[in-house]
Amino acid sequence: MELFKKIKYSLLTVILLTIFNICCTKKKKTVFSNQQNSYLGDSTLSEKNYFKTLVHGDTYSILNKKNEKYKKFYSTYDENRISLSNDISIKIINEKLSSKDNLKINLYTFNKNKKIDSIRFYRNISGKNYEKYNCLSFFDKKNNKIWQINYFPSDFEKSVNIISYLEMSIKPDGTIKKDSLRYLDESLEVIMQDNNLYY
């Protein structure tokens, strides 16, 4: 009788451990799949000598490859929310435009459910007064930092006019602050403003 009880408890323990193990495995898979749905940009944008390497290399080719990667991901993207702390989260949203070739992705910050701030995160837009406008960003979740490059590429001339390269951070209250403007071409910034590309 005593032996039967021991076998019964041993069998019950094995069953419970197996169930627990299955639940944990499923949870891990879910977390991984959520991370796969969150493309936070190309981390090379945050590298120390990124801008110097960019302007002394084949600028058009480098940025064109990056843009193709962003375009591939965001063309079928809807939105995703990522928690940064107990109260603060970000939401990266595809602001659907009439032309499928034009992509407008914004990053919003929230304090609980209240919208606090926003920036453009990715742009691939053609216009009347310019051939194309691109904005590429990278969000570093560990440091709550955002690196961003804005530029006008010309596919016809295989050239690029860089507008700006900057670093921002998401503060504990959810506001987004500019930390460093590494490069700015003011004449091209005027073209951005005149064509409402900031919005």
N, C-alpha and C. Protein backbone atom coordinates (compact mmCIF):
# COMPACT_ATOMS: atom_id res chain seq x y z
N MET A 1 0.82 -1.21 0.00
CA MET A 1 0.00 0.00 0.00
C MET A 1 0.86 1.26 0.00
N GLU A 2 1.90 1.24 0.84
CA GLU A 2 2.84 2.37 0.93
C GLU A 2 3.55 2.59 -0.41
N LEU A 3 3.95 1.48 -1.04
CA LEU A 3 4.63 1.53 -2.34
C LEU A 3 3.70 2.12 -3.40
N PHE A 4 2.44 1.74 -3.36
CA PHE A 4 1.45 2.27 -4.31
C PHE A 4 1.31 3.78 -4.19
N LYS A 5 1.29 4.28 -2.93
CA LYS A 5 1.19 5.73 -2.69
C LYS A 5 2.40 6.46 -3.27
N LYS A 6 3.62 5.90 -3.06
CA LYS A 6 4.85 6.53 -3.57
C LYS A 6 4.84 6.61 -5.09
N ILE A 7 4.40 5.52 -5.72
CA ILE A 7 4.31 5.49 -7.19
C ILE A 7 3.30 6.51 -7.68
N LYS A 8 2.16 6.59 -6.99
CA LYS A 8 1.09 7.53 -7.34
C LYS A 8 1.61 8.97 -7.27
N TYR A 9 2.31 9.33 -6.17
CA TYR A 9 2.85 10.69 -6.00
C TYR A 9 3.96 10.98 -7.00
N SER A 10 4.78 9.99 -7.29
CA SER A 10 5.86 10.17 -8.27
C SER A 10 5.28 10.42 -9.65
N LEU A 11 4.25 9.66 -10.01
CA LEU A 11 3.60 9.81 -11.30
C LEU A 11 2.93 11.18 -11.41
N LEU A 12 2.27 11.62 -10.35
CA LEU A 12 1.62 12.93 -10.30
C LEU A 12 2.65 14.05 -10.46
N THR A 13 3.80 13.93 -9.80
CA THR A 13 4.87 14.92 -9.90
C THR A 13 5.39 15.02 -11.32
N VAL A 14 5.61 13.87 -11.97
CA VAL A 14 6.10 13.85 -13.35
C VAL A 14 5.10 14.53 -14.28
N ILE A 15 3.80 14.26 -14.10
CA ILE A 15 2.75 14.86 -14.93
C ILE A 15 2.73 16.37 -14.76
N LEU A 16 2.78 16.84 -13.51
CA LEU A 16 2.78 18.28 -13.23
C LEU A 16 4.00 18.97 -13.82
N LEU A 17 5.16 18.36 -13.68
CA LEU A 17 6.39 18.94 -14.25
C LEU A 17 6.32 19.01 -15.77
N THR A 18 5.74 17.97 -16.39
CA THR A 18 5.59 17.96 -17.85
C THR A 18 4.66 19.08 -18.30
N ILE A 19 3.53 19.26 -17.61
CA ILE A 19 2.58 20.33 -17.94
C ILE A 19 3.24 21.70 -17.78
N PHE A 20 3.98 21.88 -16.68
CA PHE A 20 4.67 23.14 -16.41
C PHE A 20 5.70 23.44 -17.52
N ASN A 21 6.43 22.43 -17.93
CA ASN A 21 7.44 22.57 -18.96
C ASN A 21 6.82 22.96 -20.30
N ILE A 22 5.69 22.35 -20.65
CA ILE A 22 4.98 22.68 -21.89
C ILE A 22 4.52 24.12 -21.88
N CYS A 23 3.95 24.57 -20.74
CA CYS A 23 3.47 25.95 -20.61
C CYS A 23 4.61 26.95 -20.79
N CYS A 24 5.75 26.68 -20.16
CA CYS A 24 6.92 27.58 -20.26
C CYS A 24 7.43 27.66 -21.69
N THR A 25 7.47 26.52 -22.37
CA THR A 25 7.95 26.48 -23.75
C THR A 25 7.04 27.30 -24.65
N LYS A 26 5.73 27.16 -24.46
CA LYS A 26 4.78 27.93 -25.26
C LYS A 26 4.95 29.42 -25.02
N LYS A 27 5.16 29.79 -23.75
CA LYS A 27 5.33 31.20 -23.40
C LYS A 27 6.57 31.78 -24.07
N LYS A 28 7.67 31.02 -24.07
CA LYS A 28 8.91 31.48 -24.69
C LYS A 28 8.71 31.70 -26.18
N LYS A 29 8.00 30.79 -26.84
CA LYS A 29 7.75 30.91 -28.27
C LYS A 29 6.94 32.16 -28.57
N THR A 30 5.95 32.46 -27.74
CA THR A 30 5.11 33.64 -27.93
C THR A 30 5.94 34.91 -27.82
N VAL A 31 6.81 34.98 -26.81
CA VAL A 31 7.66 36.15 -26.62
C VAL A 31 8.55 36.34 -27.84
N PHE A 32 9.13 35.25 -28.35
CA PHE A 32 10.00 35.33 -29.51
C PHE A 32 9.23 35.84 -30.73
N SER A 33 8.02 35.31 -30.92
CA SER A 33 7.24 35.72 -32.07
C SER A 33 6.86 37.19 -31.98
N ASN A 34 6.60 37.72 -30.77
CA ASN A 34 6.33 39.15 -30.61
C ASN A 34 7.54 39.99 -30.97
N GLN A 35 8.74 39.51 -30.59
CA GLN A 35 9.96 40.24 -30.92
C GLN A 35 10.17 40.27 -32.43
N GLN A 36 9.82 39.19 -33.11
CA GLN A 36 9.98 39.13 -34.55
C GLN A 36 9.07 40.16 -35.23
N ASN A 37 7.92 40.48 -34.62
CA ASN A 37 6.98 41.43 -35.19
C ASN A 37 7.38 42.87 -34.93
N SER A 38 8.44 43.10 -34.16
CA SER A 38 8.86 44.44 -33.81
C SER A 38 10.19 44.76 -34.47
N TYR A 39 10.12 45.35 -35.65
CA TYR A 39 11.36 45.77 -36.30
C TYR A 39 11.63 47.19 -35.85
N LEU A 40 12.71 47.36 -35.08
CA LEU A 40 13.01 48.66 -34.50
C LEU A 40 14.10 49.40 -35.27
N GLY A 41 14.36 48.96 -36.48
CA GLY A 41 15.32 49.64 -37.34
C GLY A 41 16.67 48.97 -37.37
N ASP A 42 17.57 49.57 -38.14
CA ASP A 42 18.92 49.04 -38.35
C ASP A 42 19.86 49.64 -37.31
N SER A 43 20.45 48.78 -36.49
CA SER A 43 21.29 49.24 -35.38
C SER A 43 22.57 49.94 -35.84
N THR A 44 22.97 49.75 -37.10
CA THR A 44 24.20 50.43 -37.57
C THR A 44 24.04 51.96 -37.54
N LEU A 45 22.80 52.46 -37.55
CA LEU A 45 22.58 53.90 -37.48
C LEU A 45 23.12 54.50 -36.17
N SER A 46 23.27 53.67 -35.15
CA SER A 46 23.72 54.15 -33.84
C SER A 46 25.23 54.00 -33.63
N GLU A 47 25.91 53.41 -34.60
CA GLU A 47 27.35 53.20 -34.44
C GLU A 47 28.09 54.53 -34.40
N LYS A 48 29.18 54.56 -33.62
CA LYS A 48 29.92 55.79 -33.33
C LYS A 48 30.33 56.57 -34.58
N ASN A 49 30.91 55.89 -35.57
CA ASN A 49 31.40 56.57 -36.78
C ASN A 49 30.49 56.35 -37.98
N TYR A 50 29.22 56.08 -37.71
CA TYR A 50 28.29 55.74 -38.80
C TYR A 50 28.25 56.82 -39.87
N PHE A 51 28.06 58.08 -39.46
CA PHE A 51 27.88 59.15 -40.44
C PHE A 51 29.14 59.35 -41.28
N LYS A 52 30.30 59.29 -40.64
CA LYS A 52 31.57 59.46 -41.35
C LYS A 52 31.76 58.34 -42.38
N THR A 53 31.45 57.11 -41.96
CA THR A 53 31.55 55.95 -42.86
C THR A 53 30.60 56.11 -44.03
N LEU A 54 29.40 56.61 -43.74
CA LEU A 54 28.36 56.77 -44.74
C LEU A 54 28.78 57.76 -45.82
N VAL A 55 29.21 58.95 -45.41
CA VAL A 55 29.53 60.00 -46.40
C VAL A 55 30.84 59.75 -47.14
N HIS A 56 31.70 58.89 -46.61
CA HIS A 56 32.94 58.56 -47.31
C HIS A 56 32.85 57.25 -48.08
N GLY A 57 31.66 56.66 -48.09
CA GLY A 57 31.46 55.41 -48.82
C GLY A 57 30.51 55.63 -49.99
N ASP A 58 29.92 54.56 -50.49
CA ASP A 58 28.92 54.64 -51.56
C ASP A 58 27.57 54.92 -50.89
N THR A 59 27.36 56.19 -50.59
CA THR A 59 26.20 56.63 -49.79
C THR A 59 24.88 56.12 -50.36
N TYR A 60 24.69 56.28 -51.67
CA TYR A 60 23.44 55.87 -52.30
C TYR A 60 23.19 54.37 -52.10
N SER A 61 24.21 53.57 -52.39
CA SER A 61 24.06 52.11 -52.29
C SER A 61 23.78 51.66 -50.86
N ILE A 62 24.51 52.25 -49.89
CA ILE A 62 24.34 51.89 -48.47
C ILE A 62 22.91 52.19 -48.02
N LEU A 63 22.45 53.42 -48.30
CA LEU A 63 21.11 53.82 -47.84
C LEU A 63 20.00 53.12 -48.62
N ASN A 64 20.24 52.84 -49.90
CA ASN A 64 19.24 52.15 -50.70
C ASN A 64 19.00 50.74 -50.16
N LYS A 65 20.07 50.04 -49.79
CA LYS A 65 19.94 48.69 -49.22
C LYS A 65 19.17 48.73 -47.91
N LYS A 66 19.49 49.71 -47.07
CA LYS A 66 18.78 49.85 -45.79
C LYS A 66 17.30 50.13 -46.03
N ASN A 67 17.03 51.05 -46.96
CA ASN A 67 15.64 51.41 -47.23
C ASN A 67 14.84 50.23 -47.74
N GLU A 68 15.44 49.38 -48.56
CA GLU A 68 14.75 48.20 -49.08
C GLU A 68 14.36 47.26 -47.94
N LYS A 69 15.25 47.14 -46.96
CA LYS A 69 14.98 46.29 -45.79
C LYS A 69 13.78 46.83 -44.99
N TYR A 70 13.78 48.15 -44.75
CA TYR A 70 12.68 48.80 -44.03
C TYR A 70 11.38 48.64 -44.81
N LYS A 71 11.46 48.90 -46.12
CA LYS A 71 10.27 48.85 -46.96
C LYS A 71 9.65 47.45 -46.97
N LYS A 72 10.51 46.44 -47.05
CA LYS A 72 10.02 45.05 -47.07
C LYS A 72 9.25 44.73 -45.79
N PHE A 73 9.78 45.17 -44.65
CA PHE A 73 9.11 44.87 -43.39
C PHE A 73 7.84 45.70 -43.22
N TYR A 74 7.94 47.01 -43.42
CA TYR A 74 6.82 47.90 -43.09
C TYR A 74 5.70 47.91 -44.13
N SER A 75 5.94 47.37 -45.33
CA SER A 75 4.86 47.36 -46.35
C SER A 75 3.70 46.47 -45.93
N THR A 76 3.95 45.48 -45.07
CA THR A 76 2.87 44.59 -44.60
C THR A 76 2.61 44.77 -43.11
N TYR A 77 3.12 45.83 -42.55
CA TYR A 77 3.06 46.07 -41.10
C TYR A 77 1.81 46.87 -40.75
N ASP A 78 1.27 46.62 -39.57
CA ASP A 78 0.12 47.39 -39.11
C ASP A 78 0.53 48.26 -37.93
N GLU A 79 0.63 47.66 -36.73
CA GLU A 79 1.11 48.40 -35.57
C GLU A 79 1.54 47.43 -34.48
N ASN A 80 2.36 47.93 -33.56
CA ASN A 80 2.82 47.11 -32.45
C ASN A 80 3.14 47.99 -31.26
N ARG A 81 2.77 47.51 -30.08
CA ARG A 81 3.03 48.26 -28.85
C ARG A 81 4.12 47.56 -28.06
N ILE A 82 5.09 48.34 -27.56
CA ILE A 82 6.22 47.79 -26.79
C ILE A 82 6.32 48.54 -25.48
N SER A 83 6.33 47.80 -24.39
CA SER A 83 6.41 48.40 -23.06
C SER A 83 7.85 48.74 -22.72
N LEU A 84 8.06 49.99 -22.21
CA LEU A 84 9.40 50.42 -21.81
C LEU A 84 9.56 50.41 -20.29
N SER A 85 8.44 50.64 -19.59
CA SER A 85 8.44 50.61 -18.12
C SER A 85 7.01 50.29 -17.68
N ASN A 86 6.72 50.41 -16.39
CA ASN A 86 5.36 50.13 -15.91
C ASN A 86 4.32 51.03 -16.57
N ASP A 87 4.69 52.31 -16.77
CA ASP A 87 3.73 53.28 -17.31
C ASP A 87 3.97 53.65 -18.77
N ILE A 88 5.23 53.66 -19.18
CA ILE A 88 5.59 54.18 -20.50
C ILE A 88 5.70 53.06 -21.54
N SER A 89 5.10 53.31 -22.70
CA SER A 89 5.19 52.36 -23.81
C SER A 89 5.29 53.14 -25.11
N ILE A 90 5.74 52.45 -26.15
CA ILE A 90 5.74 53.05 -27.48
C ILE A 90 4.85 52.23 -28.39
N LYS A 91 4.33 52.90 -29.40
CA LYS A 91 3.54 52.22 -30.41
C LYS A 91 4.08 52.66 -31.76
N ILE A 92 4.46 51.70 -32.61
CA ILE A 92 4.92 52.01 -33.96
C ILE A 92 3.77 51.68 -34.90
N ILE A 93 3.26 52.72 -35.59
CA ILE A 93 2.02 52.59 -36.36
C ILE A 93 2.23 52.91 -37.83
N ASN A 94 1.67 52.08 -38.68
CA ASN A 94 1.64 52.34 -40.11
C ASN A 94 0.44 53.24 -40.41
N GLU A 95 0.73 54.50 -40.77
CA GLU A 95 -0.34 55.45 -41.12
C GLU A 95 -0.65 55.22 -42.60
N LYS A 96 -1.60 54.37 -42.85
CA LYS A 96 -1.90 53.91 -44.21
C LYS A 96 -2.12 55.09 -45.17
N LEU A 97 -1.39 55.09 -46.29
CA LEU A 97 -1.52 56.12 -47.32
C LEU A 97 -2.20 55.53 -48.55
N SER A 98 -2.69 56.40 -49.42
CA SER A 98 -3.43 55.91 -50.59
C SER A 98 -2.55 55.10 -51.55
N SER A 99 -1.30 55.51 -51.71
CA SER A 99 -0.39 54.76 -52.59
C SER A 99 0.38 53.72 -51.78
N LYS A 100 0.38 52.48 -52.26
CA LYS A 100 1.06 51.41 -51.52
C LYS A 100 2.58 51.57 -51.55
N ASP A 101 3.09 52.35 -52.53
CA ASP A 101 4.53 52.59 -52.61
C ASP A 101 5.00 53.62 -51.59
N ASN A 102 4.07 54.44 -51.11
CA ASN A 102 4.41 55.45 -50.10
C ASN A 102 4.14 54.89 -48.71
N LEU A 103 5.14 54.93 -47.86
CA LEU A 103 5.00 54.39 -46.51
C LEU A 103 5.29 55.47 -45.47
N LYS A 104 4.43 55.53 -44.47
CA LYS A 104 4.55 56.54 -43.41
C LYS A 104 4.36 55.82 -42.08
N ILE A 105 5.48 55.60 -41.37
CA ILE A 105 5.45 54.90 -40.08
C ILE A 105 5.82 55.89 -38.99
N ASN A 106 4.98 56.00 -37.99
CA ASN A 106 5.23 56.91 -36.87
C ASN A 106 5.44 56.14 -35.57
N LEU A 107 6.25 56.72 -34.69
CA LEU A 107 6.46 56.17 -33.35
C LEU A 107 5.76 57.10 -32.36
N TYR A 108 4.86 56.54 -31.55
CA TYR A 108 4.13 57.30 -30.53
C TYR A 108 4.55 56.81 -29.15
N THR A 109 4.61 57.73 -28.20
CA THR A 109 4.84 57.34 -26.81
C THR A 109 3.55 57.52 -26.02
N PHE A 110 3.36 56.64 -25.03
CA PHE A 110 2.17 56.68 -24.18
C PHE A 110 2.57 56.59 -22.72
N ASN A 111 1.86 57.33 -21.89
CA ASN A 111 1.95 57.16 -20.44
C ASN A 111 0.64 56.50 -20.04
N LYS A 112 0.70 55.23 -19.70
CA LYS A 112 -0.49 54.37 -19.55
C LYS A 112 -1.20 54.39 -20.90
N ASN A 113 -2.39 54.96 -21.00
CA ASN A 113 -3.07 54.99 -22.30
C ASN A 113 -3.15 56.39 -22.89
N LYS A 114 -2.45 57.35 -22.28
CA LYS A 114 -2.47 58.73 -22.76
C LYS A 114 -1.30 58.98 -23.71
N LYS A 115 -1.63 59.45 -24.93
CA LYS A 115 -0.59 59.74 -25.92
C LYS A 115 0.23 60.94 -25.44
N ILE A 116 1.56 60.81 -25.45
CA ILE A 116 2.43 61.88 -24.95
C ILE A 116 3.17 62.59 -26.08
N ASP A 117 3.80 61.84 -26.98
CA ASP A 117 4.65 62.45 -28.00
C ASP A 117 4.70 61.55 -29.23
N SER A 118 5.28 62.07 -30.31
CA SER A 118 5.42 61.25 -31.53
C SER A 118 6.53 61.80 -32.41
N ILE A 119 7.08 60.91 -33.23
CA ILE A 119 8.05 61.30 -34.27
C ILE A 119 7.80 60.45 -35.50
N ARG A 120 8.29 60.93 -36.65
CA ARG A 120 8.29 60.07 -37.82
C ARG A 120 9.37 59.02 -37.58
N PHE A 121 9.10 57.79 -37.94
CA PHE A 121 10.06 56.70 -37.71
C PHE A 121 10.62 56.17 -39.03
N TYR A 122 9.74 56.03 -40.01
CA TYR A 122 10.18 55.60 -41.34
C TYR A 122 9.33 56.28 -42.39
N ARG A 123 9.98 56.75 -43.46
CA ARG A 123 9.27 57.33 -44.58
C ARG A 123 9.86 56.82 -45.88
N ASN A 124 8.98 56.52 -46.82
CA ASN A 124 9.36 56.23 -48.19
C ASN A 124 8.28 56.89 -49.05
N ILE A 125 8.53 58.15 -49.42
CA ILE A 125 7.48 58.96 -50.05
C ILE A 125 8.01 59.65 -51.31
N SER A 126 7.21 59.59 -52.38
CA SER A 126 7.52 60.31 -53.62
C SER A 126 6.64 61.54 -53.68
N GLY A 127 7.16 62.61 -54.32
CA GLY A 127 6.38 63.84 -54.38
C GLY A 127 6.60 64.62 -55.67
N LYS A 128 5.81 65.68 -55.83
CA LYS A 128 5.90 66.50 -57.05
C LYS A 128 7.18 67.34 -57.08
N ASN A 129 7.55 67.90 -55.93
CA ASN A 129 8.69 68.83 -55.88
C ASN A 129 10.01 68.15 -55.52
N TYR A 130 10.00 66.86 -55.39
CA TYR A 130 11.20 66.09 -55.08
C TYR A 130 10.97 64.67 -55.60
N GLU A 131 12.06 63.98 -55.93
CA GLU A 131 11.91 62.62 -56.49
C GLU A 131 11.41 61.65 -55.40
N LYS A 132 12.13 61.65 -54.27
CA LYS A 132 11.75 60.76 -53.17
C LYS A 132 12.30 61.31 -51.85
N TYR A 133 11.61 60.99 -50.77
CA TYR A 133 12.08 61.36 -49.43
C TYR A 133 12.10 60.09 -48.57
N ASN A 134 13.22 59.88 -47.87
CA ASN A 134 13.34 58.74 -46.95
C ASN A 134 13.75 59.20 -45.56
N CYS A 135 13.20 58.52 -44.58
CA CYS A 135 13.59 58.71 -43.19
C CYS A 135 13.77 57.31 -42.61
N LEU A 136 14.96 57.04 -42.07
CA LEU A 136 15.25 55.75 -41.44
C LEU A 136 15.59 56.00 -39.98
N SER A 137 15.02 55.20 -39.08
CA SER A 137 15.29 55.35 -37.65
C SER A 137 15.65 54.02 -37.04
N PHE A 138 16.34 54.11 -35.92
CA PHE A 138 16.63 52.92 -35.11
C PHE A 138 16.31 53.26 -33.66
N PHE A 139 15.53 52.39 -33.00
CA PHE A 139 15.21 52.57 -31.59
C PHE A 139 15.95 51.53 -30.77
N ASP A 140 16.79 52.01 -29.84
CA ASP A 140 17.53 51.15 -28.94
C ASP A 140 16.75 51.04 -27.63
N LYS A 141 16.08 49.91 -27.45
CA LYS A 141 15.19 49.72 -26.30
C LYS A 141 15.95 49.74 -24.96
N LYS A 142 17.20 49.30 -24.98
CA LYS A 142 17.98 49.26 -23.73
C LYS A 142 18.21 50.66 -23.16
N ASN A 143 18.49 51.62 -24.05
CA ASN A 143 18.82 52.98 -23.62
C ASN A 143 17.73 54.00 -23.92
N ASN A 144 16.62 53.54 -24.52
CA ASN A 144 15.53 54.45 -24.94
C ASN A 144 16.03 55.56 -25.86
N LYS A 145 16.97 55.21 -26.76
CA LYS A 145 17.55 56.18 -27.68
C LYS A 145 17.05 55.91 -29.10
N ILE A 146 16.94 56.99 -29.87
CA ILE A 146 16.53 56.89 -31.27
C ILE A 146 17.56 57.61 -32.12
N TRP A 147 18.06 56.94 -33.16
CA TRP A 147 18.94 57.56 -34.14
C TRP A 147 18.15 57.65 -35.44
N GLN A 148 18.33 58.77 -36.16
CA GLN A 148 17.51 58.97 -37.35
C GLN A 148 18.30 59.70 -38.44
N ILE A 149 18.11 59.25 -39.66
CA ILE A 149 18.69 59.95 -40.82
C ILE A 149 17.57 60.26 -41.80
N ASN A 150 17.56 61.51 -42.30
CA ASN A 150 16.58 61.98 -43.28
C ASN A 150 17.33 62.38 -44.55
N TYR A 151 16.80 61.99 -45.70
CA TYR A 151 17.53 62.30 -46.94
C TYR A 151 16.61 62.24 -48.16
N PHE A 152 17.07 62.93 -49.22
CA PHE A 152 16.41 62.87 -50.52
C PHE A 152 17.29 62.01 -51.44
N PRO A 153 16.86 60.80 -51.79
CA PRO A 153 17.64 59.99 -52.73
C PRO A 153 17.17 60.24 -54.17
N SER A 154 18.08 60.08 -55.11
CA SER A 154 17.70 60.15 -56.52
C SER A 154 18.05 58.81 -57.16
N ASP A 155 17.03 58.03 -57.49
CA ASP A 155 17.27 56.74 -58.15
C ASP A 155 17.78 56.95 -59.57
N PHE A 156 17.39 58.08 -60.17
CA PHE A 156 17.82 58.39 -61.52
C PHE A 156 19.33 58.69 -61.56
N GLU A 157 19.78 59.54 -60.63
CA GLU A 157 21.20 59.93 -60.59
C GLU A 157 22.05 59.03 -59.69
N LYS A 158 21.39 58.10 -58.98
CA LYS A 158 22.08 57.22 -58.01
C LYS A 158 22.89 58.05 -57.01
N SER A 159 22.19 59.06 -56.46
CA SER A 159 22.85 59.95 -55.50
C SER A 159 21.92 60.23 -54.33
N VAL A 160 22.48 60.84 -53.29
CA VAL A 160 21.72 61.13 -52.07
C VAL A 160 22.07 62.52 -51.57
N ASN A 161 21.05 63.27 -51.16
CA ASN A 161 21.25 64.54 -50.46
C ASN A 161 20.76 64.35 -49.03
N ILE A 162 21.71 64.32 -48.09
CA ILE A 162 21.35 64.10 -46.69
C ILE A 162 20.83 65.39 -46.08
N ILE A 163 19.67 65.31 -45.45
CA ILE A 163 19.05 66.47 -44.81
C ILE A 163 19.55 66.59 -43.37
N SER A 164 19.43 65.49 -42.61
CA SER A 164 19.85 65.53 -41.20
C SER A 164 20.16 64.14 -40.67
N TYR A 165 20.98 64.16 -39.64
CA TYR A 165 21.30 62.93 -38.90
C TYR A 165 21.29 63.33 -37.43
N LEU A 166 20.42 62.71 -36.64
CA LEU A 166 20.26 63.14 -35.26
C LEU A 166 20.02 61.99 -34.29
N GLU A 167 20.19 62.34 -33.02
CA GLU A 167 20.00 61.38 -31.92
C GLU A 167 18.96 61.96 -30.96
N MET A 168 18.01 61.13 -30.56
CA MET A 168 16.95 61.55 -29.64
C MET A 168 16.84 60.54 -28.50
N SER A 169 16.10 60.90 -27.46
CA SER A 169 15.85 59.93 -26.39
C SER A 169 14.44 60.09 -25.86
N ILE A 170 13.89 58.96 -25.39
CA ILE A 170 12.57 58.97 -24.77
C ILE A 170 12.79 59.11 -23.27
N LYS A 171 12.27 60.19 -22.72
CA LYS A 171 12.46 60.50 -21.30
C LYS A 171 11.50 59.68 -20.44
N PRO A 172 11.75 59.62 -19.11
CA PRO A 172 10.89 58.82 -18.22
C PRO A 172 9.41 59.22 -18.24
N ASP A 173 9.11 60.48 -18.63
CA ASP A 173 7.71 60.90 -18.69
C ASP A 173 7.07 60.63 -20.05
N GLY A 174 7.86 60.07 -21.00
CA GLY A 174 7.32 59.73 -22.32
C GLY A 174 7.59 60.76 -23.39
N THR A 175 8.14 61.93 -23.03
CA THR A 175 8.45 62.94 -24.04
C THR A 175 9.70 62.52 -24.82
N ILE A 176 9.78 62.96 -26.07
CA ILE A 176 10.93 62.66 -26.93
C ILE A 176 11.75 63.93 -27.09
N LYS A 177 13.01 63.88 -26.71
CA LYS A 177 13.88 65.06 -26.75
C LYS A 177 15.05 64.83 -27.70
N LYS A 178 15.41 65.90 -28.43
CA LYS A 178 16.57 65.85 -29.31
C LYS A 178 17.82 65.99 -28.46
N ASP A 179 18.71 65.00 -28.52
CA ASP A 179 19.95 65.03 -27.74
C ASP A 179 21.09 65.65 -28.53
N SER A 180 21.15 65.31 -29.81
CA SER A 180 22.29 65.76 -30.60
C SER A 180 21.91 65.81 -32.08
N LEU A 181 22.15 66.95 -32.70
CA LEU A 181 21.96 67.10 -34.13
C LEU A 181 23.34 66.98 -34.76
N ARG A 182 23.64 65.79 -35.29
CA ARG A 182 24.99 65.52 -35.79
C ARG A 182 25.25 66.18 -37.14
N TYR A 183 24.16 66.36 -37.92
CA TYR A 183 24.32 66.98 -39.24
C TYR A 183 22.98 67.61 -39.65
N LEU A 184 23.06 68.78 -40.28
CA LEU A 184 21.84 69.43 -40.80
C LEU A 184 22.18 70.27 -42.01
N ASP A 185 21.44 70.05 -43.10
CA ASP A 185 21.52 70.91 -44.28
C ASP A 185 20.25 71.77 -44.25
N GLU A 186 20.41 73.03 -43.88
CA GLU A 186 19.24 73.91 -43.67
C GLU A 186 18.45 74.15 -44.95
N SER A 187 19.12 74.21 -46.09
CA SER A 187 18.40 74.45 -47.36
C SER A 187 17.48 73.26 -47.69
N LEU A 188 17.95 72.04 -47.39
CA LEU A 188 17.11 70.86 -47.63
C LEU A 188 16.00 70.75 -46.59
N GLU A 189 16.28 71.23 -45.38
CA GLU A 189 15.25 71.23 -44.34
C GLU A 189 14.07 72.13 -44.74
N VAL A 190 14.37 73.23 -45.44
CA VAL A 190 13.32 74.13 -45.93
C VAL A 190 12.42 73.40 -46.92
N ILE A 191 13.04 72.58 -47.80
CA ILE A 191 12.25 71.79 -48.77
C ILE A 191 11.34 70.81 -48.02
N MET A 192 11.86 70.21 -46.94
CA MET A 192 11.03 69.32 -46.11
C MET A 192 9.83 70.05 -45.55
N GLN A 193 10.08 71.24 -45.00
CA GLN A 193 8.99 72.03 -44.41
C GLN A 193 7.97 72.46 -45.47
N ASP A 194 8.47 72.93 -46.61
CA ASP A 194 7.58 73.39 -47.69
C ASP A 194 6.68 72.28 -48.23
N ASN A 195 7.14 71.04 -48.12
CA ASN A 195 6.37 69.90 -48.64
C ASN A 195 5.69 69.07 -47.54
N ASN A 196 5.61 69.67 -46.35
CA ASN A 196 4.95 69.03 -45.20
C ASN A 196 5.47 67.62 -44.91
N LEU A 197 6.78 67.45 -45.02
CA LEU A 197 7.36 66.12 -44.79
C LEU A 197 7.67 65.86 -43.32
N TYR A 198 7.46 66.87 -42.50
CA TYR A 198 7.68 66.66 -41.06
C TYR A 198 6.49 65.93 -40.44
N TYR A 199 5.39 65.84 -41.17
CA TYR A 199 4.17 65.31 -40.57
C TYR A 199 3.74 64.01 -41.20
